Protein backbone atom coordinates (compact mmCIF):
# COMPACT_ATOMS: atom_id res chain seq x y z
CA MET A 1 106.97 7.31 93.10
CA VAL A 2 108.34 5.70 96.26
CA VAL A 3 111.00 7.38 98.40
CA THR A 4 112.57 5.38 101.20
CA PRO A 5 115.07 5.73 104.06
CA THR A 6 118.51 4.34 103.34
CA ASP A 7 119.12 2.43 106.59
CA ALA A 8 117.65 -1.01 107.19
CA GLY A 9 114.53 -1.21 109.32
CA ALA A 10 110.75 -1.11 109.42
CA TYR A 11 109.30 2.34 108.80
CA PRO A 12 105.93 4.12 108.92
CA VAL A 13 104.37 4.92 105.55
CA ALA A 14 102.97 8.22 104.26
CA VAL A 15 100.81 8.29 101.12
CA PHE A 16 101.14 11.69 99.40
CA LEU A 17 98.69 12.95 96.75
CA HIS A 18 99.92 15.60 94.30
CA GLY A 19 98.06 18.76 93.34
CA CYS A 20 95.94 19.40 90.26
CA ASN A 21 97.93 19.39 87.00
CA MET A 22 101.03 18.44 88.97
CA VAL A 23 103.42 15.51 88.56
CA ALA A 24 104.15 13.33 91.58
CA GLY A 25 107.87 13.45 90.80
CA TRP A 26 107.92 17.22 91.36
CA TYR A 27 107.62 16.59 95.11
CA GLU A 28 110.67 14.33 95.31
CA ARG A 29 112.80 16.66 97.45
CA LEU A 30 109.97 17.34 99.90
CA LEU A 31 109.32 13.62 100.25
CA ALA A 32 113.04 12.86 100.46
CA HIS A 33 113.05 15.07 103.55
CA LEU A 34 110.43 12.78 105.10
CA ALA A 35 112.36 9.68 104.06
CA SER A 36 115.59 11.00 105.56
CA HIS A 37 113.80 11.16 108.91
CA GLY A 38 112.49 7.62 108.84
CA PHE A 39 109.32 7.50 106.72
CA ILE A 40 108.53 5.68 103.49
CA ALA A 41 106.72 8.05 101.12
CA VAL A 42 104.41 6.69 98.42
CA ALA A 43 103.26 9.27 95.84
CA PRO A 44 100.96 7.94 93.10
CA GLN A 45 100.31 9.76 89.83
CA LEU A 46 96.58 10.51 89.86
CA TYR A 47 94.15 11.60 87.18
CA GLY A 48 93.54 15.19 88.35
CA VAL A 49 92.89 17.58 85.45
CA ALA A 50 92.44 21.36 85.64
CA LEU A 51 88.82 22.56 85.71
CA ASP A 52 87.50 19.03 86.31
CA LEU A 53 85.45 19.41 89.48
CA ASP A 54 84.73 15.68 89.86
CA ASP A 55 87.20 14.02 92.23
CA ALA A 56 85.71 10.51 92.04
CA LYS A 57 88.59 8.98 90.07
CA ASP A 58 91.25 10.29 92.44
CA ILE A 59 89.31 9.14 95.51
CA ASP A 60 88.85 5.69 94.00
CA ALA A 61 92.52 5.49 92.95
CA THR A 62 93.66 6.45 96.46
CA ARG A 63 91.51 3.77 98.05
CA ARG A 64 92.77 1.16 95.58
CA LEU A 65 96.35 2.22 96.27
CA THR A 66 95.73 1.83 100.01
CA GLY A 67 94.55 -1.72 99.46
CA TRP A 68 97.54 -2.42 97.21
CA LEU A 69 100.00 -1.35 99.90
CA ALA A 70 99.24 -4.48 101.93
CA ASP A 71 99.14 -6.94 99.00
CA GLU A 72 101.56 -9.67 100.05
CA ARG A 73 102.33 -10.72 96.47
CA ARG A 74 102.52 -7.40 94.57
CA GLY A 75 102.22 -4.65 97.19
CA LEU A 76 104.65 -2.14 98.64
CA ALA A 77 106.88 -4.74 100.32
CA TYR A 78 107.23 -6.52 96.97
CA VAL A 79 108.21 -3.27 95.21
CA LEU A 80 110.83 -2.49 97.84
CA ASP A 81 112.27 -5.99 97.59
CA SER A 82 112.06 -6.70 93.86
CA VAL A 83 112.04 -3.31 92.14
CA PHE A 84 114.25 -1.34 94.52
CA SER A 85 116.32 -4.49 95.23
CA LEU A 86 116.34 -3.78 98.97
CA HIS A 87 115.79 -7.47 99.78
CA GLY A 88 113.92 -6.89 103.00
CA ALA A 89 116.33 -4.31 104.41
CA VAL A 90 113.70 -1.54 104.29
CA ARG A 91 110.24 -2.74 105.29
CA PRO A 92 106.90 -0.89 105.46
CA ASP A 93 105.07 -0.81 108.79
CA LEU A 94 101.48 -0.38 107.66
CA SER A 95 100.23 -0.23 111.23
CA GLN A 96 101.66 3.31 111.13
CA LEU A 97 100.07 4.86 108.05
CA ALA A 98 99.45 8.52 107.18
CA LEU A 99 97.59 10.21 104.33
CA ALA A 100 98.73 13.57 102.95
CA GLY A 101 98.09 15.72 99.93
CA HIS A 102 98.87 19.09 98.37
CA SER A 103 96.35 21.53 96.89
CA ARG A 104 93.54 19.51 95.29
CA GLY A 105 95.34 16.39 96.51
CA GLY A 106 94.84 17.73 100.03
CA ASP A 107 91.10 17.95 99.36
CA THR A 108 91.20 14.38 98.01
CA ALA A 109 93.02 13.21 101.14
CA PHE A 110 90.30 14.75 103.31
CA ALA A 111 87.59 13.15 101.18
CA VAL A 112 89.18 9.71 101.55
CA ALA A 113 89.72 10.15 105.29
CA LEU A 114 86.11 11.28 105.74
CA GLY A 115 84.75 8.33 103.74
CA LEU A 116 83.26 10.47 100.98
CA GLY A 117 82.60 9.13 97.48
CA ALA A 118 82.03 5.59 96.31
CA GLY A 119 84.28 3.00 97.95
CA ALA A 120 86.68 0.82 95.96
CA THR A 121 86.32 -2.91 96.37
CA SER A 122 89.22 -4.83 97.88
CA PRO A 123 89.69 -8.57 98.52
CA SER A 124 90.81 -7.77 102.06
CA PRO A 125 90.31 -4.79 104.40
CA PRO A 126 92.85 -2.06 103.54
CA PRO A 127 95.16 -0.72 106.26
CA LYS A 128 93.79 2.22 108.21
CA PHE A 129 95.19 5.72 108.26
CA SER A 130 96.17 7.20 111.63
CA ALA A 131 97.15 10.76 110.61
CA LEU A 132 96.03 13.27 107.97
CA ILE A 133 98.02 16.16 106.44
CA GLY A 134 96.80 18.86 104.08
CA VAL A 135 99.59 20.87 102.45
CA ASP A 136 97.93 24.11 101.35
CA PRO A 137 94.72 22.19 100.59
CA VAL A 138 92.22 23.69 98.15
CA ALA A 139 88.59 22.56 97.89
CA GLY A 140 87.75 24.22 94.57
CA LEU A 141 87.61 27.53 92.70
CA SER A 142 85.31 29.20 95.24
CA ARG A 143 82.79 28.43 97.97
CA ASP A 144 80.16 27.88 95.26
CA MET A 145 82.44 25.78 93.01
CA GLN A 146 83.82 23.02 95.21
CA VAL A 147 85.23 19.81 93.84
CA GLU A 148 82.74 16.94 94.11
CA PRO A 149 82.15 15.33 96.52
CA LYS A 150 82.19 18.49 98.58
CA VAL A 151 84.47 18.34 101.64
CA LEU A 152 83.92 21.76 103.20
CA THR A 153 80.65 22.39 105.01
CA PHE A 154 81.42 25.95 106.23
CA LYS A 155 80.57 24.88 109.76
CA PRO A 156 83.27 25.05 112.48
CA ARG A 157 84.65 21.69 113.67
CA SER A 158 82.33 19.78 111.34
CA LEU A 159 85.03 17.60 109.72
CA ASP A 160 85.95 14.63 111.91
CA PRO A 161 88.20 12.11 110.13
CA GLY A 162 88.81 10.24 113.39
CA MET A 163 92.52 11.05 113.46
CA PRO A 164 94.83 14.00 114.19
CA VAL A 165 95.06 16.55 111.37
CA LEU A 166 97.86 18.90 110.32
CA VAL A 167 96.97 21.74 107.94
CA ILE A 168 99.88 23.63 106.37
CA GLY A 169 99.13 26.89 104.58
CA THR A 170 101.04 29.46 102.54
CA GLY A 171 100.85 33.20 103.00
CA LEU A 172 101.01 33.94 99.27
CA GLY A 173 98.60 31.22 98.18
CA PRO A 174 95.50 33.46 98.15
CA ARG A 175 97.23 36.07 95.96
CA HIS A 176 97.13 35.94 92.17
CA VAL A 177 99.51 36.61 89.29
CA GLY A 178 96.92 37.76 86.76
CA GLY A 179 94.48 34.86 86.86
CA PRO A 180 92.54 33.33 89.76
CA PRO A 181 94.60 32.65 92.89
CA CYS A 182 95.84 29.10 93.33
CA ALA A 183 94.53 28.86 96.91
CA PRO A 184 91.43 31.11 96.97
CA ALA A 185 90.22 32.54 100.27
CA GLY A 186 87.19 30.66 101.56
CA VAL A 187 88.29 27.26 100.25
CA ASN A 188 91.91 27.12 101.38
CA HIS A 189 93.89 26.12 104.47
CA VAL A 190 92.11 28.61 106.74
CA GLU A 191 88.72 27.02 106.13
CA PHE A 192 90.08 23.46 106.32
CA TYR A 193 91.63 24.09 109.71
CA GLY A 194 88.59 25.94 110.99
CA GLU A 195 86.34 23.03 110.07
CA CYS A 196 88.56 20.25 111.46
CA ALA A 197 87.59 18.61 114.72
CA PRO A 198 90.39 18.38 117.30
CA PRO A 199 93.10 17.30 117.58
CA ARG A 200 94.19 19.71 114.88
CA TYR A 201 97.33 21.68 114.04
CA HIS A 202 97.82 24.66 111.71
CA VAL A 203 101.01 26.32 110.49
CA VAL A 204 101.47 28.84 107.68
CA ALA A 205 104.66 29.42 105.68
CA ARG A 206 104.03 33.17 105.66
CA ASP A 207 106.39 34.28 102.91
CA TYR A 208 105.87 31.43 100.44
CA GLY A 209 103.42 30.53 97.71
CA HIS A 210 101.22 27.62 96.77
CA LEU A 211 103.87 25.82 94.70
CA ASP A 212 107.01 26.80 96.60
CA MET A 213 107.44 23.30 98.03
CA LEU A 214 107.94 21.79 94.57
CA ASP A 215 111.35 20.70 93.33
CA ASP A 216 113.67 23.16 91.66
CA GLY A 217 113.65 22.84 87.88
CA VAL A 218 109.92 22.34 87.30
CA PRO A 219 108.69 23.79 83.97
CA TYR A 220 108.91 27.58 83.75
CA VAL A 221 105.17 28.08 83.30
CA ILE A 222 104.46 26.05 86.47
CA ASN A 223 107.08 27.85 88.53
CA ASN A 224 106.46 31.40 87.36
CA CYS A 225 103.06 31.83 85.72
CA MET A 226 100.51 29.86 87.72
CA CYS A 227 100.78 30.98 91.35
CA MET A 228 102.27 33.82 93.36
CA ARG A 229 105.66 32.69 94.60
CA ASN A 230 108.46 33.87 96.86
CA MET A 231 110.84 35.86 94.67
CA ASP A 232 113.62 36.27 97.22
CA GLY A 233 114.11 33.12 99.26
CA SER A 234 115.08 29.63 98.26
CA LYS A 235 112.33 27.05 97.82
CA ASP A 236 114.59 24.79 99.84
CA LEU A 237 113.74 26.83 102.93
CA ALA A 238 110.02 26.26 102.33
CA ARG A 239 110.55 22.55 101.72
CA ARG A 240 112.61 22.13 104.88
CA ALA A 241 110.15 24.14 106.98
CA MET A 242 107.09 22.29 105.72
CA GLY A 243 108.86 18.95 105.67
CA GLY A 244 110.13 19.52 109.20
CA VAL A 245 106.64 20.22 110.53
CA MET A 246 105.33 17.15 108.70
CA VAL A 247 108.05 14.98 110.26
CA ALA A 248 107.35 16.36 113.74
CA PHE A 249 103.62 15.74 113.33
CA LEU A 250 104.13 12.20 112.00
CA ARG A 251 106.50 11.33 114.82
CA ALA A 252 103.93 12.55 117.33
CA THR A 253 100.94 10.80 115.79
CA LEU A 254 102.45 7.59 114.42
CA GLU A 255 105.39 6.98 116.75
CA ASP A 256 104.12 8.58 119.97
CA ASP A 257 107.13 10.90 120.08
CA GLY A 258 105.80 14.42 120.48
CA GLU A 259 108.98 16.26 121.49
CA ASP A 260 109.73 17.77 118.07
CA LEU A 261 106.13 18.87 117.58
CA LYS A 262 106.06 20.48 121.01
CA ALA A 263 109.27 22.32 120.16
CA VAL A 264 107.86 23.70 116.89
CA LEU A 265 104.64 24.81 118.57
CA ALA A 266 106.52 26.49 121.41
CA ASN A 267 109.21 28.09 119.25
CA PRO A 268 108.28 28.42 115.55
CA GLY A 269 111.49 30.37 115.02
CA LEU A 270 113.33 27.04 114.96
CA ALA A 271 112.03 26.52 111.39
CA PRO A 272 114.17 27.71 108.45
CA ALA A 273 111.22 29.74 107.09
CA VAL A 274 108.83 32.01 108.99
CA LEU A 275 105.83 30.07 110.32
CA ASP A 276 103.05 32.48 111.23
CA PRO A 277 100.47 31.75 112.48
CA VAL A 278 101.13 28.55 114.39
CA GLU A 279 98.15 27.19 116.30
CA HIS A 280 96.68 23.97 117.58
CA ASP A 281 93.60 22.68 119.31
CA LEU A 282 93.66 19.38 121.19
CA ALA A 283 90.15 19.27 122.62
């Protein structure tokens, strides 16, 4: 799935990796929020299967996708021109490239950024990522059952992807609805942020669950039976809050415009959903 701005111009690109057992198209409204603020979002459909603790295929697919983005004959620019029929009006600026992912996709994004797993071959060097986002990332079922290759080391500041990192968490993610929680304590956003080297940013959508950023209308079992969710508020509030923080972070890291990010950090109450805690570490 590719979601683009509507106005002509050259735009930064964000690659977004879906969660385990999820469909990339279920994140369309979240990614449309990014696109409406001037970012091209590319969301591939990966192989991730529940209970499969080997992430090698998703890591390899992400690296291949990154190389494909810059393919002059069949890459992203070709898709925008020939498939979307934009005829050069909307152009990708791959010098401004971010990598993001939700749940297991967040763990995959970290693995790719950290250079873990076997590398995919490419006829030319792929474009480099300059920003990393984990949306309620999950590294496995527990500390002893991480997805391979293991990302978390359980050592503070041990993960250094060489770029700024934003970790978004959910307050209800560690809770369960009968089965195991979708974002278990010890392998969720708290640990990811704690292990990231600066510069790093951390916000938590306090009153929302692990899947509350998905589109409305996802299958009933996904929406109601897998993860604890917010029963009172609209998912749109979660999407706009998370999407807004993502936009502010991307503007600061890719476009050198940190005003929105500074505003969110100074006054989290500006967000449409409660963000608590909000923290960052620049050095």
